[in-house]
Amino acid sequence: MAKTVWNVDKAHSSVDFSVKHMMFATVKGGFQEYDATIVADPTDLTTAEIEFTVDVASIDTRSNDRDAHLRSAEFFDVDNHPTMTFKATNIVKTDDNEYNVTGDLSLLGTTKSETFSVVFEGTGQDPWGNEKAGFSVDGKIKRSDYGLTWNATLETGGVLVGDQIKISLQLQAAKG
């Protein structure tokens, strides 16, 4: 398959995260507004060009009060830092249809190199003849690496919000 442009189909994709709450529970959320530029042969991602942008204000944890707090200067400071971006810098094939994608993740004015596990799930045609490709992405980052340090100490020990953020993307892309 030739290297071509793929456009993320947001109706069939998701950008999600999870974090420990009170040291023993997990809270999940996602971002509703995002865009990606993918130029790739999906059967060989090693030469792909991948850029991803997330509108941080589109955060959704199913709690309006929590979402407002996360948008505030104590967390994402969306007024001053409205986007989170990722640009791939190195892609290594690790197994059939599996890759480690390393790139520059920028959040709150800080850029760090992060590596995500990507699985190419396959291609197919939808009922209208459009070619689609599926990708699963998983990874972890430390929120403190990006200045996301707000927390509350619990009376029983530990903290309210964990430092490790698990990231999970399910992407369906249409051949452009």
N, C-alpha and C. Protein backbone atom coordinates (compact mmCIF):
# COMPACT_ATOMS: atom_id res chain seq x y z
N MET A 1 0.85 -1.17 0.00
CA MET A 1 0.00 0.00 0.00
C MET A 1 0.90 1.24 0.00
N ALA A 2 0.56 2.24 -0.75
CA ALA A 2 1.36 3.45 -0.87
C ALA A 2 1.14 4.37 0.32
N LYS A 3 2.13 5.21 0.59
CA LYS A 3 2.04 6.21 1.64
C LYS A 3 1.04 7.28 1.19
N THR A 4 0.03 7.56 2.03
CA THR A 4 -1.02 8.50 1.67
C THR A 4 -1.52 9.22 2.92
N VAL A 5 -2.35 10.22 2.74
CA VAL A 5 -2.94 10.97 3.84
C VAL A 5 -4.14 10.21 4.39
N TRP A 6 -4.23 10.15 5.72
CA TRP A 6 -5.36 9.54 6.40
C TRP A 6 -5.95 10.58 7.35
N ASN A 7 -7.27 10.74 7.33
CA ASN A 7 -7.97 11.70 8.18
C ASN A 7 -8.75 10.97 9.26
N VAL A 8 -8.57 11.40 10.51
CA VAL A 8 -9.24 10.75 11.62
C VAL A 8 -10.75 10.97 11.53
N ASP A 9 -11.50 9.88 11.65
CA ASP A 9 -12.96 9.89 11.66
C ASP A 9 -13.40 9.95 13.12
N LYS A 10 -13.68 11.17 13.61
CA LYS A 10 -13.98 11.35 15.04
C LYS A 10 -15.26 10.64 15.48
N ALA A 11 -16.16 10.37 14.56
CA ALA A 11 -17.39 9.66 14.93
C ALA A 11 -17.11 8.21 15.31
N HIS A 12 -15.94 7.70 14.90
CA HIS A 12 -15.58 6.32 15.19
C HIS A 12 -14.22 6.22 15.89
N SER A 13 -13.85 7.27 16.63
CA SER A 13 -12.56 7.33 17.31
C SER A 13 -12.76 7.87 18.72
N SER A 14 -11.74 7.69 19.56
CA SER A 14 -11.79 8.26 20.91
C SER A 14 -10.38 8.53 21.42
N VAL A 15 -10.28 9.57 22.25
CA VAL A 15 -9.03 9.93 22.92
C VAL A 15 -9.34 9.94 24.40
N ASP A 16 -8.89 8.92 25.12
CA ASP A 16 -9.27 8.71 26.51
C ASP A 16 -8.05 8.64 27.42
N PHE A 17 -8.30 8.85 28.72
CA PHE A 17 -7.24 8.73 29.73
C PHE A 17 -7.86 8.20 31.02
N SER A 18 -6.99 7.74 31.91
CA SER A 18 -7.43 7.34 33.24
C SER A 18 -6.33 7.68 34.23
N VAL A 19 -6.75 7.93 35.48
CA VAL A 19 -5.83 8.31 36.55
C VAL A 19 -6.36 7.76 37.87
N LYS A 20 -5.46 7.41 38.77
CA LYS A 20 -5.87 6.94 40.09
C LYS A 20 -6.44 8.11 40.89
N HIS A 21 -7.52 7.83 41.61
CA HIS A 21 -8.16 8.81 42.48
C HIS A 21 -8.17 8.24 43.89
N MET A 22 -7.65 8.98 44.84
CA MET A 22 -7.56 8.58 46.24
C MET A 22 -6.73 7.31 46.42
N MET A 23 -5.85 7.03 45.48
CA MET A 23 -4.90 5.93 45.55
C MET A 23 -5.52 4.55 45.31
N PHE A 24 -6.85 4.44 45.21
CA PHE A 24 -7.44 3.11 45.07
C PHE A 24 -8.51 3.00 44.00
N ALA A 25 -9.00 4.10 43.49
CA ALA A 25 -10.03 4.08 42.45
C ALA A 25 -9.45 4.67 41.16
N THR A 26 -10.11 4.44 40.06
CA THR A 26 -9.67 4.98 38.77
C THR A 26 -10.77 5.86 38.19
N VAL A 27 -10.38 7.06 37.77
CA VAL A 27 -11.29 7.98 37.11
C VAL A 27 -10.90 8.04 35.65
N LYS A 28 -11.89 7.98 34.77
CA LYS A 28 -11.64 8.01 33.33
C LYS A 28 -12.22 9.28 32.73
N GLY A 29 -11.64 9.67 31.63
CA GLY A 29 -12.15 10.83 30.90
C GLY A 29 -11.65 10.79 29.48
N GLY A 30 -11.99 11.82 28.74
CA GLY A 30 -11.55 11.89 27.36
C GLY A 30 -11.58 13.31 26.86
N PHE A 31 -11.14 13.48 25.64
CA PHE A 31 -11.18 14.76 24.95
C PHE A 31 -12.07 14.60 23.72
N GLN A 32 -12.97 15.55 23.53
CA GLN A 32 -13.94 15.45 22.44
C GLN A 32 -13.47 16.11 21.15
N GLU A 33 -12.54 17.07 21.25
CA GLU A 33 -12.06 17.78 20.06
C GLU A 33 -10.57 17.52 19.87
N TYR A 34 -10.23 16.97 18.72
CA TYR A 34 -8.84 16.65 18.39
C TYR A 34 -8.73 16.51 16.89
N ASP A 35 -7.50 16.55 16.40
CA ASP A 35 -7.27 16.40 14.98
C ASP A 35 -5.90 15.76 14.80
N ALA A 36 -5.73 15.10 13.69
CA ALA A 36 -4.46 14.45 13.41
C ALA A 36 -4.11 14.61 11.95
N THR A 37 -2.82 14.68 11.70
CA THR A 37 -2.30 14.61 10.35
C THR A 37 -1.49 13.32 10.29
N ILE A 38 -1.93 12.40 9.47
CA ILE A 38 -1.25 11.10 9.34
C ILE A 38 -0.96 10.88 7.86
N VAL A 39 0.31 10.80 7.54
CA VAL A 39 0.72 10.44 6.18
C VAL A 39 1.47 9.13 6.32
N ALA A 40 0.87 8.06 5.81
CA ALA A 40 1.44 6.74 6.10
C ALA A 40 0.97 5.68 5.14
N ASP A 41 1.77 4.64 5.06
CA ASP A 41 1.34 3.34 4.55
C ASP A 41 0.98 2.58 5.83
N PRO A 42 -0.31 2.37 6.12
CA PRO A 42 -0.68 1.77 7.40
C PRO A 42 -0.11 0.37 7.62
N THR A 43 0.31 -0.30 6.55
CA THR A 43 0.89 -1.64 6.72
C THR A 43 2.37 -1.56 7.09
N ASP A 44 2.96 -0.35 7.05
CA ASP A 44 4.35 -0.14 7.47
C ASP A 44 4.48 1.28 8.00
N LEU A 45 4.21 1.45 9.28
CA LEU A 45 4.21 2.78 9.88
C LEU A 45 5.61 3.35 10.12
N THR A 46 6.66 2.60 9.85
CA THR A 46 8.01 3.08 10.18
C THR A 46 8.39 4.36 9.48
N THR A 47 7.75 4.70 8.37
CA THR A 47 8.05 5.95 7.66
C THR A 47 6.92 6.97 7.78
N ALA A 48 5.98 6.73 8.67
CA ALA A 48 4.81 7.61 8.80
C ALA A 48 5.19 8.98 9.36
N GLU A 49 4.39 9.95 8.96
CA GLU A 49 4.45 11.30 9.53
C GLU A 49 3.16 11.47 10.32
N ILE A 50 3.31 11.66 11.64
CA ILE A 50 2.14 11.71 12.51
C ILE A 50 2.20 12.96 13.37
N GLU A 51 1.15 13.76 13.32
CA GLU A 51 1.00 14.91 14.20
C GLU A 51 -0.42 14.89 14.76
N PHE A 52 -0.54 15.15 16.05
CA PHE A 52 -1.82 15.07 16.73
C PHE A 52 -2.00 16.32 17.58
N THR A 53 -3.18 16.92 17.53
CA THR A 53 -3.49 18.10 18.33
C THR A 53 -4.79 17.86 19.09
N VAL A 54 -4.78 18.17 20.38
CA VAL A 54 -5.97 18.01 21.23
C VAL A 54 -6.37 19.38 21.76
N ASP A 55 -7.65 19.72 21.65
CA ASP A 55 -8.20 20.92 22.27
C ASP A 55 -8.47 20.55 23.73
N VAL A 56 -7.61 21.03 24.63
CA VAL A 56 -7.67 20.62 26.03
C VAL A 56 -8.97 21.04 26.69
N ALA A 57 -9.57 22.14 26.25
CA ALA A 57 -10.84 22.60 26.83
C ALA A 57 -11.97 21.61 26.58
N SER A 58 -11.78 20.68 25.65
CA SER A 58 -12.83 19.70 25.33
C SER A 58 -12.82 18.50 26.27
N ILE A 59 -12.11 18.62 27.39
CA ILE A 59 -12.04 17.52 28.36
C ILE A 59 -13.44 17.16 28.86
N ASP A 60 -13.67 15.87 29.04
CA ASP A 60 -14.97 15.39 29.51
C ASP A 60 -14.74 14.20 30.45
N THR A 61 -15.00 14.41 31.75
CA THR A 61 -14.88 13.33 32.74
C THR A 61 -16.25 12.97 33.31
N ARG A 62 -17.30 13.43 32.66
CA ARG A 62 -18.68 13.19 33.08
C ARG A 62 -19.01 13.88 34.42
N SER A 63 -18.25 14.95 34.73
CA SER A 63 -18.52 15.76 35.92
C SER A 63 -18.21 17.22 35.56
N ASN A 64 -19.25 18.05 35.45
CA ASN A 64 -19.05 19.44 35.05
C ASN A 64 -18.13 20.19 36.00
N ASP A 65 -18.29 19.98 37.32
CA ASP A 65 -17.44 20.67 38.29
C ASP A 65 -15.98 20.24 38.14
N ARG A 66 -15.75 18.94 38.00
CA ARG A 66 -14.37 18.45 37.83
C ARG A 66 -13.78 18.97 36.53
N ASP A 67 -14.56 18.96 35.44
CA ASP A 67 -14.06 19.44 34.15
C ASP A 67 -13.67 20.91 34.24
N ALA A 68 -14.49 21.72 34.93
CA ALA A 68 -14.16 23.15 35.11
C ALA A 68 -12.86 23.29 35.89
N HIS A 69 -12.66 22.48 36.93
CA HIS A 69 -11.41 22.53 37.70
C HIS A 69 -10.23 22.13 36.83
N LEU A 70 -10.40 21.10 36.01
CA LEU A 70 -9.31 20.66 35.13
C LEU A 70 -8.96 21.71 34.08
N ARG A 71 -9.91 22.52 33.67
CA ARG A 71 -9.64 23.59 32.69
C ARG A 71 -8.94 24.79 33.34
N SER A 72 -9.01 24.89 34.66
CA SER A 72 -8.49 26.05 35.38
C SER A 72 -6.96 26.08 35.41
N ALA A 73 -6.42 27.19 35.94
CA ALA A 73 -4.96 27.36 36.04
C ALA A 73 -4.32 26.33 36.97
N GLU A 74 -5.10 25.69 37.84
CA GLU A 74 -4.54 24.66 38.72
C GLU A 74 -4.18 23.37 37.97
N PHE A 75 -4.78 23.20 36.77
CA PHE A 75 -4.48 22.01 35.97
C PHE A 75 -4.03 22.42 34.57
N PHE A 76 -4.93 22.36 33.58
CA PHE A 76 -4.55 22.56 32.18
C PHE A 76 -4.40 24.02 31.76
N ASP A 77 -4.92 24.95 32.55
CA ASP A 77 -4.77 26.38 32.23
C ASP A 77 -5.11 26.65 30.76
N VAL A 78 -6.31 26.27 30.36
CA VAL A 78 -6.69 26.31 28.95
C VAL A 78 -6.70 27.72 28.36
N ASP A 79 -6.83 28.74 29.20
CA ASP A 79 -6.79 30.11 28.67
C ASP A 79 -5.42 30.44 28.10
N ASN A 80 -4.36 29.90 28.71
CA ASN A 80 -2.99 30.17 28.26
C ASN A 80 -2.37 29.04 27.46
N HIS A 81 -2.92 27.84 27.60
CA HIS A 81 -2.37 26.66 26.91
C HIS A 81 -3.53 25.82 26.36
N PRO A 82 -4.14 26.28 25.27
CA PRO A 82 -5.37 25.63 24.78
C PRO A 82 -5.18 24.27 24.11
N THR A 83 -3.96 23.93 23.73
CA THR A 83 -3.78 22.65 23.02
C THR A 83 -2.67 21.81 23.63
N MET A 84 -2.79 20.53 23.38
CA MET A 84 -1.74 19.55 23.65
C MET A 84 -1.39 18.98 22.29
N THR A 85 -0.10 18.84 21.99
CA THR A 85 0.31 18.34 20.68
C THR A 85 1.28 17.18 20.81
N PHE A 86 1.31 16.36 19.77
CA PHE A 86 2.27 15.27 19.67
C PHE A 86 2.75 15.20 18.24
N LYS A 87 4.07 15.11 18.06
CA LYS A 87 4.65 14.95 16.73
C LYS A 87 5.65 13.80 16.78
N ALA A 88 5.39 12.77 15.97
CA ALA A 88 6.26 11.59 15.95
C ALA A 88 7.65 11.95 15.45
N THR A 89 8.66 11.40 16.12
CA THR A 89 10.06 11.62 15.71
C THR A 89 10.76 10.32 15.35
N ASN A 90 10.23 9.18 15.82
CA ASN A 90 10.86 7.89 15.54
C ASN A 90 9.81 6.79 15.69
N ILE A 91 9.76 5.88 14.72
CA ILE A 91 8.79 4.79 14.76
C ILE A 91 9.53 3.49 14.52
N VAL A 92 9.38 2.56 15.46
CA VAL A 92 10.08 1.28 15.40
C VAL A 92 9.05 0.16 15.40
N LYS A 93 9.17 -0.74 14.43
CA LYS A 93 8.28 -1.91 14.39
C LYS A 93 8.75 -2.90 15.44
N THR A 94 7.83 -3.36 16.30
CA THR A 94 8.18 -4.28 17.38
C THR A 94 7.64 -5.68 17.16
N ASP A 95 6.64 -5.83 16.29
CA ASP A 95 6.03 -7.12 16.00
C ASP A 95 5.11 -6.92 14.80
N ASP A 96 4.46 -7.98 14.34
CA ASP A 96 3.51 -7.82 13.24
C ASP A 96 2.46 -6.79 13.63
N ASN A 97 2.34 -5.73 12.85
CA ASN A 97 1.33 -4.68 13.06
C ASN A 97 1.48 -3.92 14.38
N GLU A 98 2.63 -4.03 15.05
CA GLU A 98 2.84 -3.34 16.33
C GLU A 98 4.08 -2.47 16.24
N TYR A 99 3.96 -1.26 16.84
CA TYR A 99 5.02 -0.27 16.74
C TYR A 99 5.18 0.48 18.06
N ASN A 100 6.39 0.98 18.29
CA ASN A 100 6.63 1.98 19.32
C ASN A 100 6.80 3.30 18.60
N VAL A 101 5.91 4.24 18.88
CA VAL A 101 5.96 5.55 18.25
C VAL A 101 6.44 6.55 19.30
N THR A 102 7.61 7.10 19.08
CA THR A 102 8.20 8.09 19.97
C THR A 102 8.04 9.46 19.33
N GLY A 103 7.76 10.44 20.17
CA GLY A 103 7.62 11.78 19.64
C GLY A 103 7.62 12.82 20.73
N ASP A 104 7.49 14.06 20.30
CA ASP A 104 7.48 15.20 21.21
C ASP A 104 6.05 15.50 21.62
N LEU A 105 5.78 15.34 22.92
CA LEU A 105 4.48 15.69 23.48
C LEU A 105 4.62 17.05 24.17
N SER A 106 3.79 18.00 23.76
CA SER A 106 3.83 19.34 24.34
C SER A 106 2.53 19.62 25.07
N LEU A 107 2.68 20.04 26.33
CA LEU A 107 1.54 20.32 27.19
C LEU A 107 1.97 21.39 28.19
N LEU A 108 1.17 22.41 28.37
CA LEU A 108 1.45 23.48 29.32
C LEU A 108 2.81 24.13 29.10
N GLY A 109 3.23 24.25 27.86
CA GLY A 109 4.50 24.89 27.55
C GLY A 109 5.72 24.03 27.76
N THR A 110 5.52 22.76 28.10
CA THR A 110 6.62 21.81 28.30
C THR A 110 6.55 20.75 27.22
N THR A 111 7.71 20.43 26.63
CA THR A 111 7.78 19.39 25.62
C THR A 111 8.72 18.29 26.11
N LYS A 112 8.23 17.07 26.07
CA LYS A 112 9.00 15.89 26.50
C LYS A 112 8.85 14.80 25.45
N SER A 113 9.86 13.96 25.34
CA SER A 113 9.79 12.80 24.46
C SER A 113 9.00 11.70 25.17
N GLU A 114 8.00 11.17 24.49
CA GLU A 114 7.17 10.09 25.03
C GLU A 114 7.04 9.00 23.98
N THR A 115 6.88 7.77 24.42
CA THR A 115 6.71 6.64 23.51
C THR A 115 5.37 5.97 23.77
N PHE A 116 4.64 5.72 22.69
CA PHE A 116 3.34 5.07 22.76
C PHE A 116 3.36 3.79 21.93
N SER A 117 2.65 2.79 22.41
CA SER A 117 2.49 1.53 21.69
C SER A 117 1.32 1.67 20.72
N VAL A 118 1.57 1.38 19.44
CA VAL A 118 0.54 1.51 18.41
C VAL A 118 0.34 0.17 17.72
N VAL A 119 -0.91 -0.23 17.57
CA VAL A 119 -1.25 -1.44 16.85
C VAL A 119 -2.07 -1.03 15.62
N PHE A 120 -1.61 -1.45 14.45
CA PHE A 120 -2.39 -1.28 13.23
C PHE A 120 -3.40 -2.41 13.21
N GLU A 121 -4.70 -2.06 13.26
CA GLU A 121 -5.77 -3.05 13.39
C GLU A 121 -6.29 -3.57 12.05
N GLY A 122 -5.90 -2.91 10.95
CA GLY A 122 -6.32 -3.38 9.64
C GLY A 122 -7.02 -2.29 8.84
N THR A 123 -7.37 -2.64 7.59
CA THR A 123 -8.09 -1.73 6.71
C THR A 123 -9.31 -2.43 6.14
N GLY A 124 -10.22 -1.63 5.63
CA GLY A 124 -11.41 -2.18 4.99
C GLY A 124 -12.20 -1.05 4.34
N GLN A 125 -13.21 -1.43 3.59
CA GLN A 125 -14.07 -0.44 2.96
C GLN A 125 -15.39 -0.35 3.70
N ASP A 126 -15.86 0.89 3.90
CA ASP A 126 -17.17 1.06 4.51
C ASP A 126 -18.23 0.82 3.43
N PRO A 127 -19.52 0.83 3.80
CA PRO A 127 -20.58 0.55 2.82
C PRO A 127 -20.64 1.53 1.64
N TRP A 128 -19.97 2.66 1.74
CA TRP A 128 -20.00 3.67 0.68
C TRP A 128 -18.72 3.67 -0.15
N GLY A 129 -17.87 2.63 0.06
CA GLY A 129 -16.67 2.48 -0.74
C GLY A 129 -15.46 3.26 -0.26
N ASN A 130 -15.53 3.87 0.93
CA ASN A 130 -14.40 4.62 1.47
C ASN A 130 -13.45 3.68 2.19
N GLU A 131 -12.15 3.82 1.94
CA GLU A 131 -11.17 2.98 2.61
C GLU A 131 -10.87 3.53 4.00
N LYS A 132 -10.92 2.65 5.01
CA LYS A 132 -10.70 3.02 6.40
C LYS A 132 -9.58 2.16 6.98
N ALA A 133 -8.90 2.72 7.98
CA ALA A 133 -7.85 2.00 8.70
C ALA A 133 -8.09 2.19 10.19
N GLY A 134 -7.73 1.18 10.97
CA GLY A 134 -7.91 1.26 12.42
C GLY A 134 -6.59 1.16 13.16
N PHE A 135 -6.47 1.94 14.23
CA PHE A 135 -5.26 1.96 15.05
C PHE A 135 -5.65 2.01 16.52
N SER A 136 -4.92 1.29 17.36
CA SER A 136 -5.06 1.37 18.81
C SER A 136 -3.76 1.92 19.36
N VAL A 137 -3.87 2.86 20.29
CA VAL A 137 -2.69 3.51 20.86
C VAL A 137 -2.80 3.45 22.37
N ASP A 138 -1.71 3.06 23.03
CA ASP A 138 -1.67 3.02 24.49
C ASP A 138 -0.34 3.57 24.99
N GLY A 139 -0.38 4.23 26.13
CA GLY A 139 0.84 4.75 26.73
C GLY A 139 0.58 5.30 28.11
N LYS A 140 1.65 5.77 28.74
CA LYS A 140 1.58 6.36 30.08
C LYS A 140 2.49 7.57 30.11
N ILE A 141 2.03 8.60 30.80
CA ILE A 141 2.89 9.75 31.05
C ILE A 141 2.76 10.12 32.53
N LYS A 142 3.74 10.89 33.01
CA LYS A 142 3.67 11.43 34.37
C LYS A 142 3.19 12.87 34.26
N ARG A 143 2.08 13.18 34.89
CA ARG A 143 1.55 14.54 34.79
C ARG A 143 2.48 15.57 35.40
N SER A 144 3.24 15.18 36.42
CA SER A 144 4.17 16.11 37.05
C SER A 144 5.28 16.55 36.09
N ASP A 145 5.60 15.73 35.09
CA ASP A 145 6.61 16.11 34.09
C ASP A 145 6.19 17.34 33.30
N TYR A 146 4.89 17.63 33.27
CA TYR A 146 4.36 18.75 32.50
C TYR A 146 3.85 19.88 33.39
N GLY A 147 4.22 19.84 34.66
CA GLY A 147 3.81 20.90 35.57
C GLY A 147 2.41 20.73 36.13
N LEU A 148 1.79 19.59 35.91
CA LEU A 148 0.46 19.30 36.46
C LEU A 148 0.65 18.72 37.86
N THR A 149 0.85 19.60 38.82
CA THR A 149 1.24 19.15 40.16
C THR A 149 0.18 19.38 41.23
N TRP A 150 -0.97 20.00 40.89
CA TRP A 150 -1.99 20.23 41.90
C TRP A 150 -2.38 18.89 42.52
N ASN A 151 -2.55 18.90 43.84
CA ASN A 151 -2.97 17.70 44.52
C ASN A 151 -3.49 18.07 45.90
N ALA A 152 -4.04 17.10 46.59
CA ALA A 152 -4.48 17.25 47.97
C ALA A 152 -4.03 16.01 48.73
N THR A 153 -3.46 16.23 49.91
CA THR A 153 -3.01 15.13 50.75
C THR A 153 -4.22 14.57 51.49
N LEU A 154 -4.30 13.25 51.53
CA LEU A 154 -5.41 12.59 52.21
C LEU A 154 -5.07 12.37 53.67
N GLU A 155 -6.07 12.46 54.55
CA GLU A 155 -5.85 12.22 55.98
C GLU A 155 -5.29 10.84 56.24
N THR A 156 -5.65 9.87 55.41
CA THR A 156 -5.21 8.49 55.60
C THR A 156 -3.85 8.21 54.96
N GLY A 157 -3.25 9.27 54.39
CA GLY A 157 -1.98 9.11 53.69
C GLY A 157 -2.22 9.04 52.19
N GLY A 158 -1.23 9.36 51.45
CA GLY A 158 -1.36 9.35 50.00
C GLY A 158 -1.94 10.67 49.50
N VAL A 159 -2.30 10.68 48.22
CA VAL A 159 -2.79 11.89 47.57
C VAL A 159 -4.09 11.63 46.83
N LEU A 160 -4.78 12.72 46.52
CA LEU A 160 -6.07 12.63 45.84
C LEU A 160 -5.94 12.17 44.39
N VAL A 161 -4.94 12.74 43.65
CA VAL A 161 -4.79 12.46 42.22
C VAL A 161 -3.43 11.81 41.97
N GLY A 162 -3.44 10.67 41.30
CA GLY A 162 -2.21 9.97 40.97
C GLY A 162 -1.37 10.75 39.96
N ASP A 163 -0.09 10.42 39.89
CA ASP A 163 0.83 11.10 38.97
C ASP A 163 0.85 10.45 37.59
N GLN A 164 0.61 9.16 37.53
CA GLN A 164 0.65 8.44 36.25
C GLN A 164 -0.70 8.52 35.53
N ILE A 165 -0.65 8.96 34.28
CA ILE A 165 -1.84 9.05 33.45
C ILE A 165 -1.74 7.99 32.36
N LYS A 166 -2.73 7.12 32.28
CA LYS A 166 -2.79 6.13 31.21
C LYS A 166 -3.56 6.74 30.04
N ILE A 167 -3.02 6.62 28.86
CA ILE A 167 -3.62 7.19 27.66
C ILE A 167 -4.02 6.06 26.71
N SER A 168 -5.22 6.17 26.15
CA SER A 168 -5.72 5.17 25.23
C SER A 168 -6.46 5.85 24.08
N LEU A 169 -6.04 5.59 22.87
CA LEU A 169 -6.71 6.12 21.69
C LEU A 169 -7.19 4.96 20.83
N GLN A 170 -8.41 5.06 20.36
CA GLN A 170 -8.94 4.15 19.36
C GLN A 170 -9.25 5.02 18.15
N LEU A 171 -8.51 4.82 17.07
CA LEU A 171 -8.64 5.69 15.91
C LEU A 171 -9.07 4.93 14.67
N GLN A 172 -10.07 5.50 14.00
CA GLN A 172 -10.42 5.03 12.67
C GLN A 172 -10.13 6.21 11.75
N ALA A 173 -9.41 5.94 10.69
CA ALA A 173 -9.03 7.00 9.77
C ALA A 173 -9.50 6.66 8.36
N ALA A 174 -9.88 7.71 7.63
CA ALA A 174 -10.33 7.55 6.26
C ALA A 174 -9.23 7.99 5.31
N LYS A 175 -9.02 7.20 4.27
CA LYS A 175 -8.02 7.54 3.27
C LYS A 175 -8.44 8.85 2.62
N GLY A 176 -7.49 9.81 2.63
CA GLY A 176 -7.79 11.15 2.11
C GLY A 176 -7.42 11.26 0.72
